[in-house]
Protein backbone atom coordinates (compact mmCIF):
# COMPACT_ATOMS: atom_id res chain seq x y z
CA MET A 1 85.78 105.33 111.64
CA GLU A 2 88.02 103.45 114.05
CA VAL A 3 91.66 104.43 114.33
CA LEU A 4 94.48 101.92 114.69
CA VAL A 5 97.05 103.73 116.83
CA ASP A 6 100.60 102.76 115.90
CA THR A 7 103.36 102.21 118.44
CA SER A 8 105.07 105.50 117.52
CA ILE A 9 102.04 107.49 118.70
CA TRP A 10 101.81 105.58 121.98
CA ILE A 11 105.51 106.10 122.71
CA ASP A 12 105.21 109.81 121.94
CA TYR A 13 102.13 110.03 124.15
CA PHE A 14 103.77 108.22 127.08
CA ARG A 15 106.75 110.56 126.84
CA GLY A 16 104.45 113.58 127.05
CA ALA A 17 105.50 114.95 123.67
CA ASN A 18 103.18 117.09 121.54
CA ASN A 19 103.05 115.01 118.37
CA SER A 20 100.27 112.79 119.68
CA GLN A 21 97.91 115.52 120.86
CA ASP A 22 94.85 114.00 119.16
CA LEU A 23 95.12 110.76 121.13
CA ASP A 24 93.14 112.11 124.10
CA LEU A 25 90.31 113.10 121.76
CA LEU A 26 90.29 109.65 120.15
CA ILE A 27 90.26 108.02 123.59
CA ASP A 28 87.35 110.21 124.70
CA GLU A 29 85.45 109.39 121.50
CA ASN A 30 86.16 105.65 121.95
CA LEU A 31 87.57 105.38 118.43
CA ILE A 32 90.87 103.63 119.21
CA VAL A 33 91.60 100.04 118.28
CA THR A 34 94.76 98.01 118.59
CA ASN A 35 96.12 94.67 117.48
CA ASP A 36 98.51 92.04 118.81
CA ILE A 37 101.55 93.29 116.91
CA ILE A 38 101.23 96.80 118.38
CA LEU A 39 100.72 95.37 121.87
CA ALA A 40 103.74 93.10 121.39
CA GLU A 41 105.83 96.17 120.58
CA LEU A 42 104.58 98.19 123.56
CA ILE A 43 104.03 95.85 126.47
CA PRO A 44 107.56 94.49 127.03
CA TYR A 45 108.90 98.00 127.66
CA LEU A 46 105.95 98.81 129.91
CA LYS A 47 106.55 95.60 131.89
CA ILE A 48 110.18 96.54 132.46
CA LYS A 49 109.02 99.96 133.67
CA LYS A 50 106.41 98.24 135.89
CA GLN A 51 103.55 100.14 134.26
CA THR A 52 100.89 97.59 135.17
CA LYS A 53 98.04 100.11 135.11
CA VAL A 54 98.93 101.23 131.57
CA ILE A 55 99.25 97.62 130.43
CA ASN A 56 95.81 96.85 131.84
CA LEU A 57 94.32 99.88 130.08
CA LEU A 58 95.88 98.84 126.77
CA HIS A 59 94.38 95.38 127.18
CA GLU A 60 90.94 96.99 127.57
CA LEU A 61 91.11 98.57 124.10
CA LYS A 62 89.18 96.92 121.32
CA ARG A 63 91.57 94.50 119.66
CA ILE A 64 91.10 93.79 115.99
CA PRO A 65 92.14 90.31 114.88
CA LEU A 66 95.24 89.86 112.75
CA GLU A 67 94.60 87.83 109.63
CA ILE A 68 97.95 87.83 107.90
CA HIS A 69 97.82 86.97 104.23
CA TRP A 70 101.45 86.46 103.36
CA ASP A 71 100.94 86.55 99.59
CA GLU A 72 99.40 89.99 99.97
CA ILE A 73 102.26 91.12 102.22
CA ILE A 74 104.70 90.02 99.52
CA GLU A 75 102.73 91.96 96.91
CA PHE A 76 102.68 95.02 99.17
CA GLN A 77 106.45 94.80 99.46
CA VAL A 78 106.83 94.41 95.68
CA LYS A 79 104.69 97.52 95.11
CA CYS A 80 106.75 99.44 97.66
CA LEU A 81 110.03 98.41 96.07
CA LYS A 82 108.79 99.22 92.55
CA SER A 83 107.68 102.67 93.68
CA GLY A 84 111.06 103.37 95.25
CA CYS A 85 110.02 103.17 98.88
CA GLY A 86 112.10 100.28 100.10
CA GLY A 87 112.88 99.70 103.73
CA VAL A 88 109.29 99.27 104.90
CA GLY A 89 109.45 96.56 107.55
CA ILE A 90 107.20 93.54 107.68
CA PRO A 91 105.53 94.69 110.95
CA ASP A 92 104.46 97.94 109.26
CA LEU A 93 103.18 96.02 106.25
CA ILE A 94 101.17 93.74 108.56
CA ILE A 95 99.71 96.77 110.37
CA ALA A 96 98.83 98.33 107.00
CA GLN A 97 97.18 95.10 105.83
CA ASN A 98 95.25 94.87 109.11
CA ALA A 99 94.01 98.45 108.78
CA LYS A 100 92.89 97.87 105.20
CA GLN A 101 91.10 94.62 106.13
CA THR A 102 89.19 96.27 108.95
CA ASN A 103 88.65 99.65 107.25
CA CYS A 104 90.54 101.57 109.93
CA LYS A 105 92.66 104.66 109.68
CA VAL A 106 96.25 104.42 110.90
CA TYR A 107 97.52 107.07 113.30
CA SER A 108 101.31 107.04 113.20
CA LEU A 109 104.39 109.25 113.32
CA ASP A 110 106.27 106.69 111.22
CA LYS A 111 107.10 108.04 107.75
CA HIS A 112 106.58 104.57 106.30
CA PHE A 113 102.84 104.94 106.71
CA ARG A 114 102.83 108.10 104.58
CA LEU A 115 104.55 106.06 101.87
CA LEU A 116 102.10 103.20 102.37
CA ASN A 117 99.26 105.68 101.97
CA GLN A 118 100.64 106.73 98.60
CA VAL A 119 101.50 103.25 97.32
CA LEU A 120 98.83 101.05 98.93
CA LYS A 121 96.11 103.60 99.74
CA VAL A 122 96.28 102.90 103.49
CA LYS A 123 93.97 105.41 105.15
CA LEU A 124 95.70 107.73 107.60
CA TYR A 125 94.39 109.64 110.56
CA GLU A 126 95.56 113.22 110.12
């Protein structure tokens, strides 16, 4: 199953921290996918740091299309609020929707995705 790697994992990986240790394995197994929202979060910082090689490598990853269904995003937010897990941002809800649409697991350090797993049954890479 493909794994949609969230921005938090990439940042951790680029910093050389240990929380993203499985990323090398996923890269070697060619299981990583990305989307435009994740790239939009990562690339500006990488451009400022003049990390052209990393940007080019990120652009080579399989990119899954974003098909945002706003009514579903609203319903996701309603379910989150009703279950007591407010504060989930729209970008995270869009990433969750994208993962569900494409049957991907989400690999993230963001606690919101643990909540989204409980409330919306978003599959997580663990």
